[in-house]
Protein backbone atom coordinates (compact mmCIF):
# COMPACT_ATOMS: atom_id res chain seq x y z
CA UNK A 1 -4.70 -9.15 -20.94
CA UNK A 2 -1.56 -10.39 -19.14
CA UNK A 3 -3.57 -12.99 -17.23
CA UNK A 4 -5.33 -14.15 -20.40
CA UNK A 5 -2.02 -14.31 -22.28
CA UNK A 6 -0.44 -16.43 -19.53
CA UNK A 7 -3.37 -18.84 -19.53
CA UNK A 8 -3.35 -19.03 -23.32
CA UNK A 9 0.38 -19.80 -23.48
CA UNK A 10 0.79 -22.08 -20.46
CA UNK A 11 -2.71 -23.37 -19.75
CA UNK A 12 -2.38 -21.94 -16.25
CA UNK A 13 -3.03 -18.65 -14.53
CA UNK A 14 0.03 -16.60 -13.44
CA UNK A 15 0.27 -17.79 -9.83
CA UNK A 16 -0.38 -21.39 -10.89
CA UNK A 17 2.42 -21.11 -13.45
CA UNK A 18 4.84 -19.58 -10.94
CA UNK A 19 4.02 -22.41 -8.56
CA UNK A 20 4.74 -24.97 -11.29
CA UNK A 21 8.29 -23.63 -11.70
CA UNK A 22 8.91 -23.52 -7.92
CA UNK A 23 9.10 -19.74 -7.89
CA UNK A 24 7.59 -19.16 -4.46
CA UNK A 25 9.43 -19.10 -1.15
CA UNK A 26 8.17 -18.01 2.25
CA UNK A 27 7.82 -14.25 2.19
CA UNK A 28 7.48 -13.83 -1.58
CA UNK A 29 5.76 -10.50 -2.25
CA UNK A 30 3.02 -10.44 -4.89
CA UNK A 31 1.79 -6.96 -5.78
CA UNK A 32 -1.76 -6.08 -6.87
CA UNK A 33 -3.31 -9.59 -7.17
CA UNK A 34 -6.39 -8.09 -8.79
CA UNK A 35 -7.13 -11.05 -11.07
CA UNK A 36 -6.57 -14.07 -8.85
CA UNK A 37 -8.60 -17.27 -8.55
CA UNK A 38 -9.40 -18.91 -5.22
CA UNK A 39 -7.04 -21.74 -6.13
CA UNK A 40 -4.26 -19.21 -6.63
CA UNK A 41 -5.07 -17.67 -3.26
CA UNK A 42 -4.63 -21.07 -1.62
CA UNK A 43 -1.26 -21.42 -3.36
CA UNK A 44 -0.13 -18.08 -1.91
CA UNK A 45 -1.32 -19.09 1.55
CA UNK A 46 0.42 -22.47 1.39
CA UNK A 47 3.74 -20.81 0.52
CA UNK A 48 3.43 -18.05 3.12
CA UNK A 49 3.54 -15.41 0.37
CA UNK A 50 2.31 -11.84 0.86
CA UNK A 51 -0.39 -10.27 -1.31
CA UNK A 52 0.04 -6.49 -1.50
CA UNK A 53 -3.09 -4.45 -2.11
CA UNK A 54 -2.38 -1.27 -4.16
CA UNK A 55 -5.84 0.31 -4.47
CA UNK A 56 -4.88 3.80 -5.66
CA UNK A 57 -2.60 2.48 -8.39
CA UNK A 58 -5.26 0.00 -9.53
CA UNK A 59 -7.85 2.76 -9.83
CA UNK A 60 -5.55 5.17 -11.63
CA UNK A 61 -4.48 2.55 -14.17
CA UNK A 62 -8.02 1.14 -14.49
CA UNK A 63 -6.83 -2.44 -14.14
CA UNK A 64 -10.43 -3.56 -13.80
CA UNK A 65 -9.62 -6.00 -11.04
CA UNK A 66 -9.16 -5.34 -7.34
CA UNK A 67 -7.64 -7.63 -4.75
CA UNK A 68 -10.49 -9.28 -2.84
CA UNK A 69 -9.61 -8.78 0.81
CA UNK A 70 -12.42 -11.00 2.19
CA UNK A 71 -11.48 -13.89 -0.13
CA UNK A 72 -7.76 -13.51 0.60
CA UNK A 73 -8.47 -13.42 4.32
CA UNK A 74 -10.65 -16.52 4.11
CA UNK A 75 -7.91 -18.36 2.17
CA UNK A 76 -5.36 -17.48 4.86
CA UNK A 77 -3.22 -15.19 2.71
CA UNK A 78 -1.16 -12.52 4.47
CA UNK A 79 -2.42 -9.26 2.95
CA UNK A 80 -0.50 -6.01 3.18
CA UNK A 81 -0.90 -2.52 1.79
CA UNK A 82 1.26 -0.89 -0.86
CA UNK A 83 1.40 2.28 -2.94
CA UNK A 84 3.10 1.00 -6.12
CA UNK A 85 5.32 3.52 -7.90
CA UNK A 86 5.15 7.30 -8.07
CA UNK A 87 3.94 7.27 -11.69
CA UNK A 88 0.80 5.30 -10.80
CA UNK A 89 0.16 6.73 -7.35
CA UNK A 90 1.69 10.22 -7.15
CA UNK A 91 1.13 10.94 -3.46
CA UNK A 92 2.64 7.72 -2.03
CA UNK A 93 0.59 8.39 1.10
CA UNK A 94 0.04 5.20 3.10
CA UNK A 95 -2.79 6.67 5.14
CA UNK A 96 -4.62 7.83 2.03
CA UNK A 97 -4.09 4.40 0.49
CA UNK A 98 -5.42 2.72 3.64
CA UNK A 99 -8.56 4.84 3.35
CA UNK A 100 -8.86 3.98 -0.34
CA UNK A 101 -8.37 0.28 0.40
CA UNK A 102 -11.16 0.30 2.96
CA UNK A 103 -13.57 2.19 0.73
CA UNK A 104 -12.95 0.19 -2.44
CA UNK A 105 -13.36 -3.13 -0.62
CA UNK A 106 -16.68 -2.00 0.82
CA UNK A 107 -17.82 -0.67 -2.54
CA UNK A 108 -16.84 -3.81 -4.47
CA UNK A 109 -18.46 -6.20 -1.99
CA UNK A 110 -21.51 -4.10 -1.08
CA UNK A 111 -20.64 -4.38 2.60
CA UNK A 112 -19.85 -1.37 4.80
CA UNK A 113 -18.32 -3.56 7.52
CA UNK A 114 -15.40 -4.88 5.45
CA UNK A 115 -11.89 -3.72 6.31
CA UNK A 116 -12.67 -1.51 9.32
CA UNK A 117 -10.09 1.03 10.55
CA UNK A 118 -8.35 -1.47 12.86
CA UNK A 119 -7.73 -3.94 10.03
CA UNK A 120 -6.87 -1.27 7.45
CA UNK A 121 -4.29 0.19 9.86
CA UNK A 122 -2.80 -3.25 10.44
CA UNK A 123 -2.40 -3.78 6.68
CA UNK A 124 -0.55 -0.48 6.41
CA UNK A 125 1.77 -1.08 9.37
CA UNK A 126 2.49 -4.83 9.35
CA UNK A 127 6.10 -5.60 10.12
CA UNK A 128 6.79 -2.19 11.65
CA UNK A 129 7.29 -1.24 15.28
CA UNK A 130 4.37 -0.96 17.68
CA UNK A 131 2.92 2.49 18.13
CA UNK A 132 1.09 4.36 20.85
CA UNK A 133 -0.43 7.84 21.04
CA UNK A 134 -1.24 10.28 23.80
CA UNK A 135 -3.80 13.04 23.81
CA UNK A 136 -2.05 16.25 24.89
CA UNK A 137 -5.42 17.70 25.88
CA UNK A 138 -6.23 14.94 28.37
CA UNK A 139 -3.84 14.01 31.18
CA UNK A 140 -3.70 10.22 31.36
CA UNK A 141 -1.02 7.62 31.99
CA UNK A 142 -2.70 5.14 29.67
CA UNK A 143 -1.61 5.46 26.04
CA UNK A 144 -4.04 5.18 23.22
CA UNK A 145 -3.47 2.62 20.55
CA UNK A 146 -4.99 0.37 17.95
CA UNK A 147 -7.92 -0.41 20.23
CA UNK A 148 -9.17 3.18 19.99
CA UNK A 149 -11.51 2.90 17.00
CA UNK A 150 -12.40 6.59 16.92
CA UNK A 151 -8.74 7.60 16.81
CA UNK A 152 -7.98 5.15 14.02
CA UNK A 153 -11.05 6.18 12.04
CA UNK A 154 -9.86 9.78 12.23
CA UNK A 155 -6.31 8.86 11.22
CA UNK A 156 -7.49 6.88 8.21
CA UNK A 157 -10.53 8.69 6.95
CA UNK A 158 -9.50 12.32 7.52
CA UNK A 159 -5.94 11.84 6.17
CA UNK A 160 -5.00 15.18 7.73
CA UNK A 161 -1.40 16.21 7.29
CA UNK A 162 1.15 14.96 9.81
CA UNK A 163 3.02 18.06 10.95
CA UNK A 164 5.52 16.66 13.48
CA UNK A 165 7.47 13.38 13.50
CA UNK A 166 9.71 12.21 16.35
CA UNK A 167 11.83 9.04 16.24
CA UNK A 168 13.96 7.87 19.18
CA UNK A 169 13.75 11.32 20.74
CA UNK A 170 14.82 13.09 17.55
CA UNK A 171 12.55 15.53 15.76
CA UNK A 172 12.62 14.62 12.06
CA UNK A 173 9.75 16.84 10.93
CA UNK A 174 8.31 19.98 12.52
CA UNK A 175 5.41 22.14 11.35
CA UNK A 176 5.32 20.18 8.11
CA UNK A 177 8.99 20.80 7.32
CA UNK A 178 11.42 17.88 7.10
CA UNK A 179 14.50 18.75 9.14
CA UNK A 180 16.74 15.89 8.02
CA UNK A 181 16.68 16.75 4.31
CA UNK A 182 17.27 19.89 2.28
CA UNK A 183 14.02 19.94 0.33
CA UNK A 184 15.01 22.91 -1.84
CA UNK A 185 18.24 21.19 -2.88
CA UNK A 186 16.39 17.95 -3.65
CA UNK A 187 13.83 19.87 -5.72
CA UNK A 188 16.61 21.60 -7.66
CA UNK A 189 18.43 18.33 -8.31
CA UNK A 190 15.18 16.71 -9.44
CA UNK A 191 14.47 19.50 -11.91
CA UNK A 192 17.99 19.13 -13.33
CA UNK A 193 17.65 15.34 -13.60
CA UNK A 194 14.27 15.58 -15.33
CA UNK A 195 15.58 18.17 -17.79
CA UNK A 196 18.60 15.98 -18.60
CA UNK A 197 16.33 12.97 -19.06
CA UNK A 198 14.06 14.71 -21.54
CA UNK A 199 17.03 16.22 -23.36
CA UNK A 200 18.33 12.68 -23.75
CA UNK A 201 15.15 11.22 -25.23
CA UNK A 202 14.30 14.33 -27.23
CA UNK A 203 17.63 15.68 -28.50
CA UNK A 204 17.45 19.12 -30.11
CA UNK A 205 16.89 19.08 -33.85
CA UNK A 206 19.75 20.34 -35.99
C-alpha cells in the first residue's frame, strides 16, 4: 500500500521519487526492497546504495514482496543481510536469517542453486573482518574458511548454538554464557522498564 500510495501521489515509485529529490549518496542503506522495479534497482546501483534483505521480518509481517537477489545481483546492487527490529524478528540471529534468505530466494525463484552458502555467508558478513576456522579434531596448519562449502553449509543450515566466542584473545562467551554482561541484571532492568512502559500507557483506573 505504501508503494501504491507513493506512485499515486508522485507518479513515481519510492526509489524513483527519492532519486528525484537527490536523496541518495554512496552508501545509502535501503532496507527490505521487496517491491522494487528493475529501473529502481539500476538507480540503487548507480548511486552505490546498499539493499538490505530482511527475510524473516518480511515473512513475519507478510509484506507480500521479497527482495529479488538474482535481479539485484544482475543490476549490480550491493546486497546485504539484515534482521530488522526485535518486534518483527525476535531472535535477531544473523545465521538463522542467512538460512532463511537462502531458502526464500530458492523458493520464490524455483531454483535450488540461488544464494548458495558461500554467497549467503558473504551477505551476512560484508564489511566485517575476515574469519578463519580450525578443526580441533584434525591437526592441520591450514585454516578453513569461506572456501569450505561443507563447513559453511553446516554453519548456515544447522544454525546450531554458538557456545564460545573469543575476540583478540579474550573470551567473551563460554558454554553459552556471556561473560562481559550481567544477563540477570539486564533481564531485571528490562522487566522493570516494560512494566513502567505499560503503566504509562495504561494508567490504573481510579
